[in-house]
């Protein structure tokens, strides 16, 4: 397992973890053995956003063979990029150093980002946000059931509804938390969870229309070869800016001598999602969470 962690200079096992994922000084790469012991440690300078926008770190770390990333808050675009290339992303849970984060990873104390966290509307998220102070949530007013403006924690296994392939899971890990009623998860999943109480389990099939939508042929485009980084390869996610100034994630489909074919659809577009989940807890949201429109942990 090759783990990457955004770090402040000079990097290494004793380095402080940078909360600014895309603008860290460097990425410390650690090869973990089968029993979780750190092996080779490398420090990789961060190349910044000059090429590929917020997708630049995805290209960089995927090219190095990274399989696991430990970071702070992350928006939908880079998260989808890491998911599309098979890199798992974990919260650093306020670990002070690289070594501390690795210990917590091996102990199973780090929460994993999953597809449920990516907003179905491809919201940009908060790539550089990371909680600074512990969140103090008020006591819950009324029955502990899933409802709007409440923080909900759940464990899940996500499968392709047609093939049965496991796409993601956080079973045997801390639950994933989100703010209900604020489009933090796909509409079909949020609808199915409304009214459930802690300990409840359910299995729900979500059609593409209530998940990540159906692939739109208009989102598959061709651009001149010089418009993308020289080292780009099929499967890599890039960030493209449209004429109206909006930034969109795209996946490279084909690379030709003169043109590059790109797909702007979500990686799970067109898939029927099969969620099997258990509600872990329901809490009242803190004022700053309501203001941010998402869970802050």
C-alpha atoms as a PDB file:
ATOM      1  CA  UNK A   1       0.000   0.000   0.000  1.00  0.00           C
ATOM      2  CA  UNK A   2       1.386   3.377  -1.005  1.00  0.00           C
ATOM      3  CA  UNK A   3      -0.012   6.176   1.182  1.00  0.00           C
ATOM      4  CA  UNK A   4       0.198   9.897   0.369  1.00  0.00           C
ATOM      5  CA  UNK A   5      -0.275  12.705   2.910  1.00  0.00           C
ATOM      6  CA  UNK A   6      -0.128  16.469   2.151  1.00  0.00           C
ATOM      7  CA  UNK A   7       2.609  17.901   4.351  1.00  0.00           C
ATOM      8  CA  UNK A   8       4.428  21.058   5.306  1.00  0.00           C
ATOM      9  CA  UNK A   9       8.153  21.343   4.634  1.00  0.00           C
ATOM     10  CA  UNK A  10      10.351  19.412   4.896  1.00  0.00           C
ATOM     11  CA  UNK A  11       7.974  16.421   4.744  1.00  0.00           C
ATOM     12  CA  UNK A  12       8.644  12.962   6.169  1.00  0.00           C
ATOM     13  CA  UNK A  13       7.171  10.923   9.043  1.00  0.00           C
ATOM     14  CA  UNK A  14       7.566  13.715  11.603  1.00  0.00           C
ATOM     15  CA  UNK A  15       6.193  16.434   9.329  1.00  0.00           C
ATOM     16  CA  UNK A  16       3.028  18.379  10.124  1.00  0.00           C
ATOM     17  CA  UNK A  17       0.033  17.605   7.939  1.00  0.00           C
ATOM     18  CA  UNK A  18      -1.039  20.489   5.716  1.00  0.00           C
ATOM     19  CA  UNK A  19      -4.715  21.431   5.872  1.00  0.00           C
ATOM     20  CA  UNK A  20      -4.432  23.028   2.441  1.00  0.00           C
ATOM     21  CA  UNK A  21      -4.662  19.900   0.318  1.00  0.00           C
ATOM     22  CA  UNK A  22      -4.138  21.458  -3.104  1.00  0.00           C
ATOM     23  CA  UNK A  23      -1.563  23.992  -1.924  1.00  0.00           C
ATOM     24  CA  UNK A  24       0.573  21.930   0.445  1.00  0.00           C
ATOM     25  CA  UNK A  25       4.354  22.194   0.266  1.00  0.00           C
ATOM     26  CA  UNK A  26       4.729  18.535  -0.584  1.00  0.00           C
ATOM     27  CA  UNK A  27       3.187  15.082  -0.448  1.00  0.00           C
ATOM     28  CA  UNK A  28       4.887  12.544   1.804  1.00  0.00           C
ATOM     29  CA  UNK A  29       4.607   9.077   0.265  1.00  0.00           C
ATOM     30  CA  UNK A  30       4.952   6.039   2.540  1.00  0.00           C
ATOM     31  CA  UNK A  31       5.087   2.421   1.453  1.00  0.00           C
ATOM     32  CA  UNK A  32       3.307   0.290   4.074  1.00  0.00           C
ATOM     33  CA  UNK A  33       4.097  -3.397   4.415  1.00  0.00           C
ATOM     34  CA  UNK A  34       1.415  -6.081   4.765  1.00  0.00           C
ATOM     35  CA  UNK A  35       1.584  -5.750   8.553  1.00  0.00           C
ATOM     36  CA  UNK A  36       1.271  -1.970   8.399  1.00  0.00           C
ATOM     37  CA  UNK A  37       4.899  -1.058   9.048  1.00  0.00           C
ATOM     38  CA  UNK A  38       6.273   2.015   7.237  1.00  0.00           C
ATOM     39  CA  UNK A  39       8.918   1.211   4.663  1.00  0.00           C
ATOM     40  CA  UNK A  40      10.300   3.535   2.034  1.00  0.00           C
ATOM     41  CA  UNK A  41       9.413   7.199   2.606  1.00  0.00           C
ATOM     42  CA  UNK A  42       9.595   9.747  -0.204  1.00  0.00           C
ATOM     43  CA  UNK A  43       8.786  13.460  -0.293  1.00  0.00           C
ATOM     44  CA  UNK A  44       7.187  14.617  -3.522  1.00  0.00           C
ATOM     45  CA  UNK A  45       7.028  18.383  -4.205  1.00  0.00           C
ATOM     46  CA  UNK A  46       3.529  19.622  -4.913  1.00  0.00           C
ATOM     47  CA  UNK A  47       3.339  20.816  -8.506  1.00  0.00           C
ATOM     48  CA  UNK A  48       0.465  23.180  -7.771  1.00  0.00           C
ATOM     49  CA  UNK A  49      -2.542  23.927  -9.968  1.00  0.00           C
ATOM     50  CA  UNK A  50      -0.808  25.218 -13.057  1.00  0.00           C
ATOM     51  CA  UNK A  51      -1.944  22.236 -15.120  1.00  0.00           C
ATOM     52  CA  UNK A  52      -5.193  20.434 -14.488  1.00  0.00           C
ATOM     53  CA  UNK A  53      -6.583  22.805 -11.837  1.00  0.00           C
ATOM     54  CA  UNK A  54      -7.809  20.975  -8.739  1.00  0.00           C
ATOM     55  CA  UNK A  55      -7.290  17.711 -10.635  1.00  0.00           C
ATOM     56  CA  UNK A  56      -3.516  18.240 -10.743  1.00  0.00           C
ATOM     57  CA  UNK A  57      -2.883  16.359  -7.445  1.00  0.00           C
ATOM     58  CA  UNK A  58      -5.018  13.484  -8.758  1.00  0.00           C
ATOM     59  CA  UNK A  59      -2.823  13.154 -11.826  1.00  0.00           C
ATOM     60  CA  UNK A  60       0.362  13.530  -9.791  1.00  0.00           C
ATOM     61  CA  UNK A  61      -0.439  10.921  -7.129  1.00  0.00           C
ATOM     62  CA  UNK A  62      -2.055   8.451  -9.522  1.00  0.00           C
ATOM     63  CA  UNK A  63       1.062   8.587 -11.658  1.00  0.00           C
ATOM     64  CA  UNK A  64       3.193   7.726  -8.624  1.00  0.00           C
ATOM     65  CA  UNK A  65       1.099   4.621  -7.875  1.00  0.00           C
ATOM     66  CA  UNK A  66      -0.581   5.964  -4.723  1.00  0.00           C
ATOM     67  CA  UNK A  67      -3.481   3.813  -3.478  1.00  0.00           C
ATOM     68  CA  UNK A  68      -4.453   5.718  -0.315  1.00  0.00           C
ATOM     69  CA  UNK A  69      -4.620   9.427   0.538  1.00  0.00           C
ATOM     70  CA  UNK A  70      -5.024  10.887   4.029  1.00  0.00           C
ATOM     71  CA  UNK A  71      -6.267  14.475   3.951  1.00  0.00           C
ATOM     72  CA  UNK A  72      -8.579  17.073   5.468  1.00  0.00           C
ATOM     73  CA  UNK A  73     -11.766  18.365   3.866  1.00  0.00           C
ATOM     74  CA  UNK A  74     -12.138  17.806   0.119  1.00  0.00           C
ATOM     75  CA  UNK A  75     -14.628  18.998  -2.453  1.00  0.00           C
ATOM     76  CA  UNK A  76     -16.558  16.900  -4.928  1.00  0.00           C
ATOM     77  CA  UNK A  77     -14.319  17.461  -7.952  1.00  0.00           C
ATOM     78  CA  UNK A  78     -11.006  16.148  -6.601  1.00  0.00           C
ATOM     79  CA  UNK A  79     -12.817  13.445  -4.585  1.00  0.00           C
ATOM     80  CA  UNK A  80     -14.459  12.128  -7.728  1.00  0.00           C
ATOM     81  CA  UNK A  81     -11.066  12.248  -9.413  1.00  0.00           C
ATOM     82  CA  UNK A  82      -9.415  10.097  -6.756  1.00  0.00           C
ATOM     83  CA  UNK A  83     -12.361   7.678  -6.784  1.00  0.00           C
ATOM     84  CA  UNK A  84     -12.198   7.367 -10.565  1.00  0.00           C
ATOM     85  CA  UNK A  85      -8.561   6.214 -10.425  1.00  0.00           C
ATOM     86  CA  UNK A  86      -9.047   3.888  -7.435  1.00  0.00           C
ATOM     87  CA  UNK A  87      -7.374   5.987  -4.725  1.00  0.00           C
ATOM     88  CA  UNK A  88      -9.125   5.788  -1.340  1.00  0.00           C
ATOM     89  CA  UNK A  89      -9.333   9.040   0.611  1.00  0.00           C
ATOM     90  CA  UNK A  90      -9.450   9.213   4.422  1.00  0.00           C
ATOM     91  CA  UNK A  91      -9.967  12.119   6.825  1.00  0.00           C
ATOM     92  CA  UNK A  92      -6.825  12.835   8.851  1.00  0.00           C
ATOM     93  CA  UNK A  93      -9.035  13.365  11.969  1.00  0.00           C
ATOM     94  CA  UNK A  94      -6.802  16.215  13.182  1.00  0.00           C
ATOM     95  CA  UNK A  95      -3.718  13.994  13.338  1.00  0.00           C
ATOM     96  CA  UNK A  96      -0.774  16.269  14.025  1.00  0.00           C
ATOM     97  CA  UNK A  97       1.918  14.416  12.085  1.00  0.00           C
ATOM     98  CA  UNK A  98       2.304  11.898   9.299  1.00  0.00           C
ATOM     99  CA  UNK A  99       3.326   9.183  11.763  1.00  0.00           C
ATOM    100  CA  UNK A 100       0.243   9.825  13.909  1.00  0.00           C
ATOM    101  CA  UNK A 101      -2.055   9.615  10.893  1.00  0.00           C
ATOM    102  CA  UNK A 102      -0.495   6.317   9.819  1.00  0.00           C
ATOM    103  CA  UNK A 103      -1.053   4.860  13.285  1.00  0.00           C
ATOM    104  CA  UNK A 104      -4.698   5.871  13.205  1.00  0.00           C
ATOM    105  CA  UNK A 105      -5.088   4.457   9.703  1.00  0.00           C
ATOM    106  CA  UNK A 106      -3.778   1.081  10.823  1.00  0.00           C
ATOM    107  CA  UNK A 107      -6.009   1.189  13.908  1.00  0.00           C
ATOM    108  CA  UNK A 108      -9.070   1.795  11.734  1.00  0.00           C
ATOM    109  CA  UNK A 109      -9.737   5.193  13.312  1.00  0.00           C
ATOM    110  CA  UNK A 110      -9.860   7.215  10.100  1.00  0.00           C
ATOM    111  CA  UNK A 111     -13.103   7.741   8.242  1.00  0.00           C
ATOM    112  CA  UNK A 112     -13.136   7.141   4.509  1.00  0.00           C
ATOM    113  CA  UNK A 113     -14.695   9.507   2.036  1.00  0.00           C
ATOM    114  CA  UNK A 114     -17.179   7.673  -0.173  1.00  0.00           C
ATOM    115  CA  UNK A 115     -19.393   8.305  -3.208  1.00  0.00           C
ATOM    116  CA  UNK A 116     -22.263   9.180  -0.886  1.00  0.00           C
ATOM    117  CA  UNK A 117     -20.403  12.336   0.061  1.00  0.00           C
ATOM    118  CA  UNK A 118     -20.190  13.742  -3.435  1.00  0.00           C
ATOM    119  CA  UNK A 119     -23.096  16.087  -4.036  1.00  0.00           C
ATOM    120  CA  UNK A 120     -25.286  14.835  -6.882  1.00  0.00           C
ATOM    121  CA  UNK A 121     -25.292  18.321  -8.370  1.00  0.00           C
ATOM    122  CA  UNK A 122     -21.478  18.234  -8.677  1.00  0.00           C
ATOM    123  CA  UNK A 123     -21.130  21.003  -6.132  1.00  0.00           C
ATOM    124  CA  UNK A 124     -17.638  22.346  -5.883  1.00  0.00           C
ATOM    125  CA  UNK A 125     -17.361  21.674  -2.183  1.00  0.00           C
ATOM    126  CA  UNK A 126     -14.609  23.042   0.023  1.00  0.00           C
ATOM    127  CA  UNK A 127     -11.344  21.561  -1.139  1.00  0.00           C
ATOM    128  CA  UNK A 128      -9.285  23.363   1.467  1.00  0.00           C
ATOM    129  CA  UNK A 129     -11.691  23.362   4.368  1.00  0.00           C
ATOM    130  CA  UNK A 130     -10.641  21.487   7.479  1.00  0.00           C
ATOM    131  CA  UNK A 131     -12.172  21.754  10.919  1.00  0.00           C
ATOM    132  CA  UNK A 132     -10.113  23.773  13.362  1.00  0.00           C
ATOM    133  CA  UNK A 133     -12.170  23.366  16.549  1.00  0.00           C
ATOM    134  CA  UNK A 134     -14.283  20.459  17.809  1.00  0.00           C
ATOM    135  CA  UNK A 135     -17.926  20.858  16.856  1.00  0.00           C
ATOM    136  CA  UNK A 136     -20.260  21.314  19.815  1.00  0.00           C
ATOM    137  CA  UNK A 137     -23.689  20.064  18.778  1.00  0.00           C
ATOM    138  CA  UNK A 138     -26.775  20.926  20.857  1.00  0.00           C
ATOM    139  CA  UNK A 139     -29.046  18.330  22.402  1.00  0.00           C
ATOM    140  CA  UNK A 140     -31.532  16.807  19.981  1.00  0.00           C
ATOM    141  CA  UNK A 141     -35.030  18.262  20.240  1.00  0.00           C
ATOM    142  CA  UNK A 142     -37.568  15.477  19.693  1.00  0.00           C
ATOM    143  CA  UNK A 143     -37.291  11.831  18.588  1.00  0.00           C
ATOM    144  CA  UNK A 144     -33.962  10.659  17.174  1.00  0.00           C
ATOM    145  CA  UNK A 145     -35.040  10.159  13.600  1.00  0.00           C
ATOM    146  CA  UNK A 146     -33.566  11.221  10.290  1.00  0.00           C
ATOM    147  CA  UNK A 147     -34.981  14.628   9.364  1.00  0.00           C
ATOM    148  CA  UNK A 148     -33.922  17.897   7.773  1.00  0.00           C
ATOM    149  CA  UNK A 149     -31.190  19.912   9.484  1.00  0.00           C
ATOM    150  CA  UNK A 150     -29.933  16.911  11.453  1.00  0.00           C
ATOM    151  CA  UNK A 151     -26.526  15.284  11.306  1.00  0.00           C
ATOM    152  CA  UNK A 152     -26.901  11.645  10.333  1.00  0.00           C
ATOM    153  CA  UNK A 153     -24.227   8.969  10.607  1.00  0.00           C
ATOM    154  CA  UNK A 154     -24.474   5.706   8.690  1.00  0.00           C
ATOM    155  CA  UNK A 155     -22.475   2.741   7.486  1.00  0.00           C
ATOM    156  CA  UNK A 156     -23.064   1.412   4.019  1.00  0.00           C
ATOM    157  CA  UNK A 157     -22.069  -0.904   1.227  1.00  0.00           C
ATOM    158  CA  UNK A 158     -22.662   0.432  -2.263  1.00  0.00           C
ATOM    159  CA  UNK A 159     -23.009  -2.016  -5.146  1.00  0.00           C
ATOM    160  CA  UNK A 160     -23.655  -1.697  -8.837  1.00  0.00           C
ATOM    161  CA  UNK A 161     -27.368  -2.515  -9.008  1.00  0.00           C
ATOM    162  CA  UNK A 162     -26.942  -4.502 -12.220  1.00  0.00           C
ATOM    163  CA  UNK A 163     -23.660  -6.401 -11.808  1.00  0.00           C
ATOM    164  CA  UNK A 164     -23.577  -6.609  -7.999  1.00  0.00           C
ATOM    165  CA  UNK A 165     -20.002  -5.302  -7.980  1.00  0.00           C
ATOM    166  CA  UNK A 166     -19.078  -3.547  -4.737  1.00  0.00           C
ATOM    167  CA  UNK A 167     -18.315   0.065  -5.627  1.00  0.00           C
ATOM    168  CA  UNK A 168     -17.576   1.298  -2.118  1.00  0.00           C
ATOM    169  CA  UNK A 169     -18.097   0.456   1.551  1.00  0.00           C
ATOM    170  CA  UNK A 170     -17.341   1.871   4.977  1.00  0.00           C
ATOM    171  CA  UNK A 171     -18.366  -1.204   6.928  1.00  0.00           C
ATOM    172  CA  UNK A 172     -16.168  -1.838   9.998  1.00  0.00           C
ATOM    173  CA  UNK A 173     -15.166   1.824   9.909  1.00  0.00           C
ATOM    174  CA  UNK A 174     -16.495   4.928  11.671  1.00  0.00           C
ATOM    175  CA  UNK A 175     -19.832   6.021  10.155  1.00  0.00           C
ATOM    176  CA  UNK A 176     -20.057   8.641   7.449  1.00  0.00           C
ATOM    177  CA  UNK A 177     -21.861  11.813   8.651  1.00  0.00           C
ATOM    178  CA  UNK A 178     -23.800  14.307   6.544  1.00  0.00           C
ATOM    179  CA  UNK A 179     -26.360  17.096   7.007  1.00  0.00           C
ATOM    180  CA  UNK A 180     -29.774  15.789   5.988  1.00  0.00           C
ATOM    181  CA  UNK A 181     -31.891  17.868   3.633  1.00  0.00           C
ATOM    182  CA  UNK A 182     -29.002  19.851   2.116  1.00  0.00           C
ATOM    183  CA  UNK A 183     -28.176  17.754  -0.971  1.00  0.00           C
ATOM    184  CA  UNK A 184     -25.037  16.310   0.618  1.00  0.00           C
ATOM    185  CA  UNK A 185     -25.921  12.868  -0.755  1.00  0.00           C
ATOM    186  CA  UNK A 186     -27.818  11.656  -3.827  1.00  0.00           C
ATOM    187  CA  UNK A 187     -31.583  12.369  -3.736  1.00  0.00           C
ATOM    188  CA  UNK A 188     -32.730   8.744  -3.773  1.00  0.00           C
ATOM    189  CA  UNK A 189     -30.579   7.835  -0.787  1.00  0.00           C
ATOM    190  CA  UNK A 190     -31.660  10.879   1.212  1.00  0.00           C
ATOM    191  CA  UNK A 191     -35.318  10.086   0.504  1.00  0.00           C
ATOM    192  CA  UNK A 192     -34.935   6.450   1.610  1.00  0.00           C
ATOM    193  CA  UNK A 193     -33.285   7.429   4.900  1.00  0.00           C
ATOM    194  CA  UNK A 194     -35.869  10.026   5.967  1.00  0.00           C
ATOM    195  CA  UNK A 195     -37.648   8.938   9.132  1.00  0.00           C
ATOM    196  CA  UNK A 196     -35.254   6.112  10.048  1.00  0.00           C
ATOM    197  CA  UNK A 197     -33.892   5.852  13.586  1.00  0.00           C
ATOM    198  CA  UNK A 198     -30.496   4.702  14.958  1.00  0.00           C
ATOM    199  CA  UNK A 199     -30.020   0.972  14.505  1.00  0.00           C
ATOM    200  CA  UNK A 200     -32.391   0.779  11.550  1.00  0.00           C
ATOM    201  CA  UNK A 201     -31.149  -1.046   8.467  1.00  0.00           C
ATOM    202  CA  UNK A 202     -32.429  -0.770   4.938  1.00  0.00           C
ATOM    203  CA  UNK A 203     -31.537  -1.685   1.406  1.00  0.00           C
ATOM    204  CA  UNK A 204     -32.518   0.605  -1.416  1.00  0.00           C
ATOM    205  CA  UNK A 205     -32.074   0.528  -5.164  1.00  0.00           C
ATOM    206  CA  UNK A 206     -31.650   3.975  -6.621  1.00  0.00           C
ATOM    207  CA  UNK A 207     -32.238   4.515 -10.346  1.00  0.00           C
ATOM    208  CA  UNK A 208     -29.888   6.840 -12.211  1.00  0.00           C
ATOM    209  CA  UNK A 209     -32.505   9.601 -12.209  1.00  0.00           C
ATOM    210  CA  UNK A 210     -32.313   9.762  -8.393  1.00  0.00           C
ATOM    211  CA  UNK A 211     -28.595   9.050  -8.271  1.00  0.00           C
ATOM    212  CA  UNK A 212     -26.009  10.596 -10.568  1.00  0.00           C
ATOM    213  CA  UNK A 213     -28.225  10.901 -13.609  1.00  0.00           C
ATOM    214  CA  UNK A 214     -27.847   9.274 -17.003  1.00  0.00           C
ATOM    215  CA  UNK A 215     -24.834   9.849 -19.238  1.00  0.00           C
ATOM    216  CA  UNK A 216     -25.333  12.868 -21.439  1.00  0.00           C
ATOM    217  CA  UNK A 217     -23.743  12.470 -24.901  1.00  0.00           C
ATOM    218  CA  UNK A 218     -23.315  16.243 -24.997  1.00  0.00           C
ATOM    219  CA  UNK A 219     -20.861  15.965 -22.114  1.00  0.00           C
ATOM    220  CA  UNK A 220     -18.465  13.895 -24.246  1.00  0.00           C
ATOM    221  CA  UNK A 221     -16.320  16.390 -26.105  1.00  0.00           C
ATOM    222  CA  UNK A 222     -13.106  16.652 -28.087  1.00  0.00           C
ATOM    223  CA  UNK A 223     -10.476  19.304 -27.455  1.00  0.00           C
ATOM    224  CA  UNK A 224      -7.161  20.071 -29.153  1.00  0.00           C
ATOM    225  CA  UNK A 225      -4.234  18.015 -27.866  1.00  0.00           C
ATOM    226  CA  UNK A 226      -2.416  21.147 -26.729  1.00  0.00           C
ATOM    227  CA  UNK A 227      -5.342  22.089 -24.433  1.00  0.00           C
ATOM    228  CA  UNK A 228      -4.459  19.364 -21.897  1.00  0.00           C
ATOM    229  CA  UNK A 229      -1.223  18.459 -20.055  1.00  0.00           C
ATOM    230  CA  UNK A 230       1.372  16.674 -22.174  1.00  0.00           C
ATOM    231  CA  UNK A 231       1.536  13.627 -19.886  1.00  0.00           C
ATOM    232  CA  UNK A 232      -2.217  13.002 -19.699  1.00  0.00           C
ATOM    233  CA  UNK A 233      -3.428   9.406 -20.141  1.00  0.00           C
ATOM    234  CA  UNK A 234      -6.860   7.739 -20.474  1.00  0.00           C
ATOM    235  CA  UNK A 235      -8.656   7.416 -17.153  1.00  0.00           C
ATOM    236  CA  UNK A 236      -7.175  10.572 -15.624  1.00  0.00           C
ATOM    237  CA  UNK A 237      -9.576  13.245 -14.391  1.00  0.00           C
ATOM    238  CA  UNK A 238      -8.958  16.866 -15.370  1.00  0.00           C
ATOM    239  CA  UNK A 239     -10.646  20.150 -14.608  1.00  0.00           C
ATOM    240  CA  UNK A 240     -11.914  22.214 -17.519  1.00  0.00           C
ATOM    241  CA  UNK A 241     -13.293  25.760 -17.482  1.00  0.00           C
ATOM    242  CA  UNK A 242     -16.271  26.504 -19.724  1.00  0.00           C
ATOM    243  CA  UNK A 243     -16.930  29.769 -21.552  1.00  0.00           C
ATOM    244  CA  UNK A 244     -19.242  30.918 -18.774  1.00  0.00           C
ATOM    245  CA  UNK A 245     -16.419  30.572 -16.255  1.00  0.00           C
ATOM    246  CA  UNK A 246     -17.676  27.437 -14.518  1.00  0.00           C
ATOM    247  CA  UNK A 247     -15.224  24.642 -13.751  1.00  0.00           C
ATOM    248  CA  UNK A 248     -16.188  21.038 -14.543  1.00  0.00           C
ATOM    249  CA  UNK A 249     -14.432  17.708 -13.880  1.00  0.00           C
ATOM    250  CA  UNK A 250     -13.842  15.543 -16.949  1.00  0.00           C
ATOM    251  CA  UNK A 251     -12.371  12.081 -17.483  1.00  0.00           C
ATOM    252  CA  UNK A 252      -9.960  11.455 -20.340  1.00  0.00           C
ATOM    253  CA  UNK A 253     -11.341   8.779 -22.669  1.00  0.00           C
ATOM    254  CA  UNK A 254      -8.911   8.820 -25.580  1.00  0.00           C
ATOM    255  CA  UNK A 255      -5.667  10.621 -26.379  1.00  0.00           C
ATOM    256  CA  UNK A 256      -4.866  11.168 -30.038  1.00  0.00           C
ATOM    257  CA  UNK A 257      -2.129  12.968 -31.889  1.00  0.00           C
ATOM    258  CA  UNK A 258      -4.290  16.022 -32.524  1.00  0.00           C
ATOM    259  CA  UNK A 259      -7.298  15.704 -30.225  1.00  0.00           C
ATOM    260  CA  UNK A 260      -8.277  14.389 -26.802  1.00  0.00           C
ATOM    261  CA  UNK A 261     -11.726  12.927 -26.074  1.00  0.00           C
ATOM    262  CA  UNK A 262     -13.192  13.872 -22.678  1.00  0.00           C
ATOM    263  CA  UNK A 263     -16.211  12.699 -20.678  1.00  0.00           C
ATOM    264  CA  UNK A 264     -17.848  15.231 -18.359  1.00  0.00           C
ATOM    265  CA  UNK A 265     -20.355  12.758 -16.877  1.00  0.00           C
ATOM    266  CA  UNK A 266     -20.073  11.591 -13.259  1.00  0.00           C
ATOM    267  CA  UNK A 267     -18.241   8.213 -12.987  1.00  0.00           C
ATOM    268  CA  UNK A 268     -21.454   6.632 -11.627  1.00  0.00           C
ATOM    269  CA  UNK A 269     -23.763   8.255 -14.193  1.00  0.00           C
ATOM    270  CA  UNK A 270     -26.149   5.694 -15.644  1.00  0.00           C
ATOM    271  CA  UNK A 271     -25.634   3.203 -12.825  1.00  0.00           C
ATOM    272  CA  UNK A 272     -28.422   1.838 -10.667  1.00  0.00           C
ATOM    273  CA  UNK A 273     -27.081   2.180  -7.128  1.00  0.00           C
ATOM    274  CA  UNK A 274     -27.744  -0.563  -4.587  1.00  0.00           C
ATOM    275  CA  UNK A 275     -27.189   0.784  -1.068  1.00  0.00           C
ATOM    276  CA  UNK A 276     -27.285  -1.478   1.987  1.00  0.00           C
ATOM    277  CA  UNK A 277     -26.994   0.692   5.095  1.00  0.00           C
ATOM    278  CA  UNK A 278     -27.414   1.003   8.841  1.00  0.00           C
ATOM    279  CA  UNK A 279     -28.197   4.246  10.664  1.00  0.00           C
ATOM    280  CA  UNK A 280     -25.521   4.725  13.334  1.00  0.00           C
ATOM    281  CA  UNK A 281     -26.637   7.970  14.973  1.00  0.00           C
ATOM    282  CA  UNK A 282     -28.780  11.074  14.560  1.00  0.00           C
ATOM    283  CA  UNK A 283     -27.687  14.392  16.089  1.00  0.00           C
ATOM    284  CA  UNK A 284     -28.754  18.014  16.079  1.00  0.00           C
ATOM    285  CA  UNK A 285     -26.627  20.164  13.773  1.00  0.00           C
ATOM    286  CA  UNK A 286     -24.408  22.880  15.195  1.00  0.00           C
ATOM    287  CA  UNK A 287     -25.108  26.451  14.022  1.00  0.00           C
ATOM    288  CA  UNK A 288     -21.925  26.557  11.953  1.00  0.00           C
ATOM    289  CA  UNK A 289     -22.944  23.329  10.222  1.00  0.00           C
ATOM    290  CA  UNK A 290     -26.305  24.792   9.275  1.00  0.00           C
ATOM    291  CA  UNK A 291     -24.523  27.852   7.939  1.00  0.00           C
ATOM    292  CA  UNK A 292     -22.049  25.747   5.960  1.00  0.00           C
ATOM    293  CA  UNK A 293     -24.765  23.394   4.724  1.00  0.00           C
ATOM    294  CA  UNK A 294     -22.781  20.264   5.617  1.00  0.00           C
ATOM    295  CA  UNK A 295     -21.407  18.237   8.498  1.00  0.00           C
ATOM    296  CA  UNK A 296     -18.201  19.625  10.015  1.00  0.00           C
ATOM    297  CA  UNK A 297     -15.965  17.104  11.742  1.00  0.00           C
END
